[in-house]
Amino acid sequence: MSEVTTVSTPTDGTPKGWQQRIRESRLGTLLVLAVTAAVVIVGAYLIDRPTAEASGTTAVELTGSDGGAAPKIGSPAQDFTGTTVDGKEVSLSSYKGHPVWLTFGASWCAACVAEAPDIEAAYKRFESKGVVVLAISISEDSAAVRDYATRVGLTYPQIADPDTRIASAYRVYGIPAHFFIDASGVLRSIKTGGQSPEQMDAALAAISK
């Protein structure tokens, strides 16, 4: 006896297509649910993912060595040595005993240029409390950084980081980026993107108590 294959048909007599058969099967239902969930998750990620534009930062490409563990709030900030644009060799450890605001930026970064006067003003407000502001300019040489600081009127120390050695150690992938370090050398907070004067004051007050 020959085998008879039964093809289910809708009420109008037309054989069901493969899409409909999938929809009506349990496996097909699970597949549809899985695909739907994946689409929702990916969509939520793309919406919530911080971008350079959304966070007010300019992306930077790091070419220097990572130089150890990534910065961690509550742990000692990584030491480094650099030369200021006026020729003075300094290290982060040389400022121990002073709260330090380590700020990464560049003269080619619009958000950095926009907040520079506010950084200068905040520095002046907290200078009497022993706060040190140390600016690291990424992918620029000392001459360019010195010229920029002079034109803008920045009085806090400026260090050029042309090979992103210091930025790499601090895992700075977007600027402006700010690291607030207390007088004992412990990293207390990390801020990315441009900061308002109120945000600057709050972060400085927290490390200069």
Protein backbone atom coordinates (compact mmCIF):
# COMPACT_ATOMS: atom_id res chain seq x y z
CA MET A 1 0.00 0.00 0.00
CA SER A 2 1.45 3.36 -0.94
CA GLU A 3 2.02 5.94 1.82
CA VAL A 4 -0.39 8.82 1.77
CA THR A 5 0.94 12.24 2.70
CA THR A 6 -1.60 14.53 4.22
CA VAL A 7 -1.24 18.25 3.57
CA SER A 8 -3.20 20.47 5.92
CA THR A 9 -5.15 23.10 4.13
CA PRO A 10 -6.93 26.21 5.32
CA THR A 11 -10.67 26.52 4.94
CA ASP A 12 -10.33 27.93 1.42
CA GLY A 13 -8.57 24.73 0.25
CA THR A 14 -5.18 26.37 -0.43
CA PRO A 15 -2.15 24.45 0.97
CA LYS A 16 -0.45 26.22 3.88
CA GLY A 17 2.84 27.96 3.22
CA TRP A 18 5.97 27.27 5.24
CA GLN A 19 5.63 30.58 7.10
CA GLN A 20 2.19 29.65 8.36
CA ARG A 21 3.26 26.12 9.30
CA ILE A 22 6.14 27.60 11.34
CA ARG A 23 3.83 30.05 13.09
CA GLU A 24 1.46 27.25 14.04
CA SER A 25 4.14 24.90 15.38
CA ARG A 26 5.51 25.07 18.93
CA LEU A 27 9.06 25.28 17.67
CA GLY A 28 8.09 28.10 15.35
CA THR A 29 6.49 30.01 18.22
CA LEU A 30 9.62 29.68 20.33
CA LEU A 31 11.76 30.79 17.39
CA VAL A 32 9.65 33.89 16.84
CA LEU A 33 9.80 34.76 20.54
CA ALA A 34 13.58 34.31 20.61
CA VAL A 35 14.10 36.51 17.55
CA THR A 36 11.76 39.16 18.96
CA ALA A 37 13.61 39.18 22.29
CA ALA A 38 16.96 39.51 20.52
CA VAL A 39 15.71 42.47 18.50
CA VAL A 40 14.40 44.19 21.64
CA ILE A 41 17.68 43.64 23.51
CA VAL A 42 19.83 44.93 20.64
CA GLY A 43 17.55 47.91 20.18
CA ALA A 44 17.72 48.79 23.87
CA TYR A 45 21.51 48.51 23.80
CA LEU A 46 21.82 50.79 20.81
CA ILE A 47 19.53 53.35 22.43
CA ASP A 48 21.23 53.29 25.84
CA ARG A 49 24.84 52.92 24.66
CA PRO A 50 26.78 56.12 25.45
CA THR A 51 28.24 57.75 22.37
CA ALA A 52 30.87 60.43 22.13
CA GLU A 53 28.28 62.91 20.90
CA ALA A 54 25.68 62.06 23.52
CA SER A 55 28.12 62.22 26.43
CA GLY A 56 29.74 65.42 25.24
CA THR A 57 33.11 63.79 24.62
CA THR A 58 35.48 63.64 21.67
CA ALA A 59 36.81 60.15 20.93
CA VAL A 60 40.58 59.67 21.04
CA GLU A 61 42.80 56.90 19.73
CA LEU A 62 45.31 55.61 22.26
CA THR A 63 48.70 54.59 20.94
CA GLY A 64 50.74 54.39 24.15
CA SER A 65 51.23 51.41 26.43
CA ASP A 66 48.41 50.63 28.87
CA GLY A 67 51.00 50.66 31.65
CA GLY A 68 49.28 48.51 34.25
CA ALA A 69 45.87 48.16 35.81
CA ALA A 70 43.02 50.44 34.83
CA PRO A 71 42.12 53.25 37.26
CA LYS A 72 39.78 52.14 40.03
CA ILE A 73 37.82 54.40 42.33
CA GLY A 74 38.91 53.87 45.91
CA SER A 75 42.42 52.74 44.91
CA PRO A 76 45.63 54.75 44.61
CA ALA A 77 45.84 56.68 41.36
CA GLN A 78 48.56 55.49 39.02
CA ASP A 79 51.71 57.54 39.23
CA PHE A 80 53.31 59.05 36.14
CA THR A 81 56.00 61.54 35.24
CA GLY A 82 55.72 64.30 32.69
CA THR A 83 57.21 67.64 31.74
CA THR A 84 55.11 70.78 31.92
CA VAL A 85 55.14 73.17 28.97
CA ASP A 86 57.40 75.51 30.94
CA GLY A 87 60.03 72.76 31.27
CA LYS A 88 59.38 71.51 34.81
CA GLU A 89 59.44 67.74 35.38
CA VAL A 90 56.62 66.63 37.67
CA SER A 91 55.01 63.41 38.79
CA LEU A 92 51.62 62.73 40.29
CA SER A 93 53.30 61.52 43.47
CA SER A 94 55.08 64.87 43.79
CA TYR A 95 51.69 66.40 44.62
CA LYS A 96 50.93 63.97 47.43
CA GLY A 97 49.40 65.87 50.31
CA HIS A 98 47.36 67.96 47.88
CA PRO A 99 44.03 67.12 46.30
CA VAL A 100 44.62 66.75 42.54
CA TRP A 101 42.25 67.30 39.66
CA LEU A 102 43.75 65.44 36.70
CA THR A 103 42.01 66.66 33.56
CA PHE A 104 42.55 65.26 30.05
CA GLY A 105 41.76 67.41 27.02
CA ALA A 106 43.20 69.05 23.90
CA SER A 107 43.04 72.33 22.03
CA TRP A 108 41.43 70.51 19.08
CA CYS A 109 38.54 69.27 21.27
CA ALA A 110 35.60 71.70 21.16
CA ALA A 111 34.12 70.53 24.48
CA CYS A 112 37.52 70.87 26.16
CA VAL A 113 37.98 74.40 24.88
CA ALA A 114 34.47 75.32 26.01
CA GLU A 115 35.02 74.21 29.61
CA ALA A 116 38.61 75.48 29.98
CA PRO A 117 37.61 78.91 31.40
CA ASP A 118 35.39 77.16 33.98
CA ILE A 119 38.28 74.90 34.98
CA GLU A 120 40.47 77.96 35.45
CA ALA A 121 37.78 79.64 37.56
CA ALA A 122 37.29 76.52 39.69
CA TYR A 123 41.04 76.27 40.17
CA LYS A 124 41.13 79.83 41.47
CA ARG A 125 38.25 79.13 43.87
CA PHE A 126 39.93 76.05 45.36
CA GLU A 127 43.59 77.06 45.12
CA SER A 128 43.56 78.29 48.71
CA LYS A 129 42.54 74.78 49.84
CA GLY A 130 45.67 73.32 48.28
CA VAL A 131 43.93 71.86 45.21
CA VAL A 132 46.21 71.21 42.25
CA VAL A 133 44.81 71.13 38.71
CA LEU A 134 47.02 69.21 36.31
CA ALA A 135 46.01 69.25 32.64
CA ILE A 136 47.14 66.54 30.22
CA SER A 137 46.83 67.53 26.54
CA ILE A 138 46.45 64.50 24.29
CA SER A 139 48.16 64.15 20.90
CA GLU A 140 49.76 67.60 21.05
CA ASP A 141 53.33 68.78 21.49
CA SER A 142 54.52 71.20 24.16
CA ALA A 143 54.70 74.17 21.81
CA ALA A 144 51.06 73.81 20.77
CA VAL A 145 49.89 73.32 24.35
CA ARG A 146 51.89 76.28 25.61
CA ASP A 147 50.51 78.53 22.88
CA TYR A 148 46.95 77.45 23.63
CA ALA A 149 47.28 77.92 27.42
CA THR A 150 48.77 81.39 26.91
CA ARG A 151 46.01 82.48 24.53
CA VAL A 152 43.22 81.21 26.79
CA GLY A 153 44.86 82.41 30.02
CA LEU A 154 45.21 79.07 31.80
CA THR A 155 47.49 79.25 34.83
CA TYR A 156 47.43 75.66 36.08
CA PRO A 157 50.19 73.24 34.98
CA GLN A 158 49.92 71.85 31.44
CA ILE A 159 51.59 68.63 30.26
CA ALA A 160 51.71 67.59 26.61
CA ASP A 161 51.00 63.90 25.95
CA PRO A 162 51.81 63.58 22.22
CA ASP A 163 52.10 59.78 22.26
CA THR A 164 49.08 59.31 24.62
CA ARG A 165 51.32 57.53 27.14
CA ILE A 166 49.59 59.07 30.16
CA ALA A 167 46.14 58.90 28.60
CA SER A 168 46.65 55.20 27.86
CA ALA A 169 47.59 54.52 31.48
CA TYR A 170 44.31 56.11 32.56
CA ARG A 171 42.26 54.44 29.78
CA VAL A 172 41.06 57.77 28.42
CA TYR A 173 39.04 56.94 25.29
CA GLY A 174 37.16 60.23 25.13
CA ILE A 175 37.83 63.80 26.20
CA PRO A 176 37.28 65.81 28.26
CA ALA A 177 37.88 63.31 31.05
CA HIS A 178 38.42 64.17 34.70
CA PHE A 179 39.98 62.24 37.58
CA PHE A 180 39.62 63.59 41.11
CA ILE A 181 42.30 62.38 43.53
CA ASP A 182 42.38 63.11 47.25
CA ALA A 183 45.36 64.32 49.27
CA SER A 184 46.42 60.76 50.09
CA GLY A 185 46.65 59.87 46.40
CA VAL A 186 43.42 57.83 46.21
CA LEU A 187 41.17 58.19 43.16
CA ARG A 188 37.77 59.34 44.40
CA SER A 189 35.77 59.97 41.23
CA ILE A 190 35.92 59.87 37.44
CA LYS A 191 33.88 62.24 35.28
CA THR A 192 33.59 62.13 31.50
CA GLY A 193 32.33 64.85 29.23
CA GLY A 194 32.14 68.57 29.87
CA GLN A 195 31.41 69.53 33.47
CA SER A 196 29.35 72.47 34.70
CA PRO A 197 30.84 74.85 37.30
CA GLU A 198 28.52 73.29 39.89
CA GLN A 199 29.75 69.78 39.07
CA MET A 200 33.35 70.94 39.24
CA ASP A 201 32.82 72.54 42.64
CA ALA A 202 31.09 69.44 44.02
CA ALA A 203 33.90 67.12 42.88
CA LEU A 204 36.60 69.42 44.23
CA ALA A 205 34.81 69.88 47.53
CA ALA A 206 34.65 66.10 47.92
CA ILE A 207 38.43 65.71 47.66
CA SER A 208 39.44 68.82 49.60
CA LYS A 209 37.58 68.20 52.87
